[in-house]
Amino acid sequence: MGAWVNQIFRADQANTGGVVRRARYNVDRYASLAELVAEAKRRNFHVVETGDQIVVLCHEGSLVIHC
């Protein structure tokens, strides 16, 4: 795992079941979406892409989208 992705998952939000959001531009610039998704998947987290944002839901619970 690259240093930038590692930094994301060391954030307080990632370690307390919160939400981490990064611009797609920065994900592509400093790592790759595939690398971010792989690490989230390893942790049983969820990754959502909406507009120009990548949102990581840092919990193992189920995911339901209501709209």
Protein backbone atom coordinates (compact mmCIF):
# COMPACT_ATOMS: atom_id res chain seq x y z
CA MET A 1 0.00 0.00 0.00
CA GLY A 2 1.31 3.41 -0.92
CA ALA A 3 2.07 6.11 1.64
CA TRP A 4 -0.81 8.32 0.51
CA VAL A 5 -3.39 5.53 0.84
CA ASN A 6 -1.88 4.53 4.18
CA GLN A 7 -2.32 8.12 5.38
CA ILE A 8 -6.02 8.02 4.49
CA PHE A 9 -6.59 4.91 6.58
CA ARG A 10 -4.64 6.35 9.52
CA ALA A 11 -7.05 9.30 9.74
CA ASP A 12 -9.13 9.50 12.92
CA GLN A 13 -12.33 9.13 10.89
CA ALA A 14 -11.12 5.86 9.41
CA ASN A 15 -10.33 4.44 12.82
CA THR A 16 -13.57 5.49 14.50
CA GLY A 17 -16.09 4.28 11.92
CA GLY A 18 -16.40 7.63 10.20
CA VAL A 19 -16.28 8.85 6.63
CA VAL A 20 -13.21 9.83 4.64
CA ARG A 21 -13.67 11.91 1.48
CA ARG A 22 -11.08 12.73 -1.17
CA ALA A 23 -11.30 14.38 -4.58
CA ARG A 24 -11.04 11.90 -7.46
CA TYR A 25 -8.33 14.13 -8.92
CA ASN A 26 -6.15 13.60 -5.84
CA VAL A 27 -6.80 9.86 -5.74
CA ASP A 28 -5.59 9.63 -9.35
CA ARG A 29 -2.69 12.00 -8.71
CA TYR A 30 -1.24 10.39 -5.59
CA ALA A 31 -2.34 6.75 -5.89
CA SER A 32 -5.02 4.97 -7.88
CA LEU A 33 -8.66 4.19 -7.34
CA ALA A 34 -7.82 0.49 -7.61
CA GLU A 35 -5.29 0.78 -4.78
CA LEU A 36 -7.72 2.70 -2.57
CA VAL A 37 -10.55 0.25 -3.27
CA ALA A 38 -8.31 -2.76 -2.60
CA GLU A 39 -7.32 -1.43 0.82
CA ALA A 40 -10.91 -0.52 1.68
CA LYS A 41 -12.04 -3.98 0.62
CA ARG A 42 -9.33 -5.58 2.77
CA ARG A 43 -10.80 -3.70 5.74
CA ASN A 44 -14.41 -4.53 4.72
CA PHE A 45 -15.14 -0.80 4.21
CA HIS A 46 -17.28 0.68 1.43
CA VAL A 47 -16.17 3.05 -1.34
CA VAL A 48 -18.63 5.28 -3.17
CA GLU A 49 -17.84 7.56 -6.08
CA THR A 50 -20.15 10.53 -6.49
CA GLY A 51 -19.39 13.39 -8.83
CA ASP A 52 -15.72 14.22 -8.42
CA GLN A 53 -15.51 12.76 -4.90
CA ILE A 54 -14.46 9.37 -3.55
CA VAL A 55 -16.12 8.61 -0.23
CA VAL A 56 -14.91 5.80 2.03
CA LEU A 57 -17.40 4.60 4.63
CA CYS A 58 -15.13 3.24 7.32
CA HIS A 59 -17.27 0.54 8.87
CA GLU A 60 -18.11 -3.08 8.16
CA GLY A 61 -21.89 -2.68 8.28
CA SER A 62 -24.19 -3.25 5.35
CA LEU A 63 -24.69 -0.53 2.77
CA VAL A 64 -28.09 0.57 1.49
CA ILE A 65 -28.58 3.55 -0.83
CA HIS A 66 -32.06 5.07 -0.58
CA CYS A 67 -32.27 7.33 -3.60
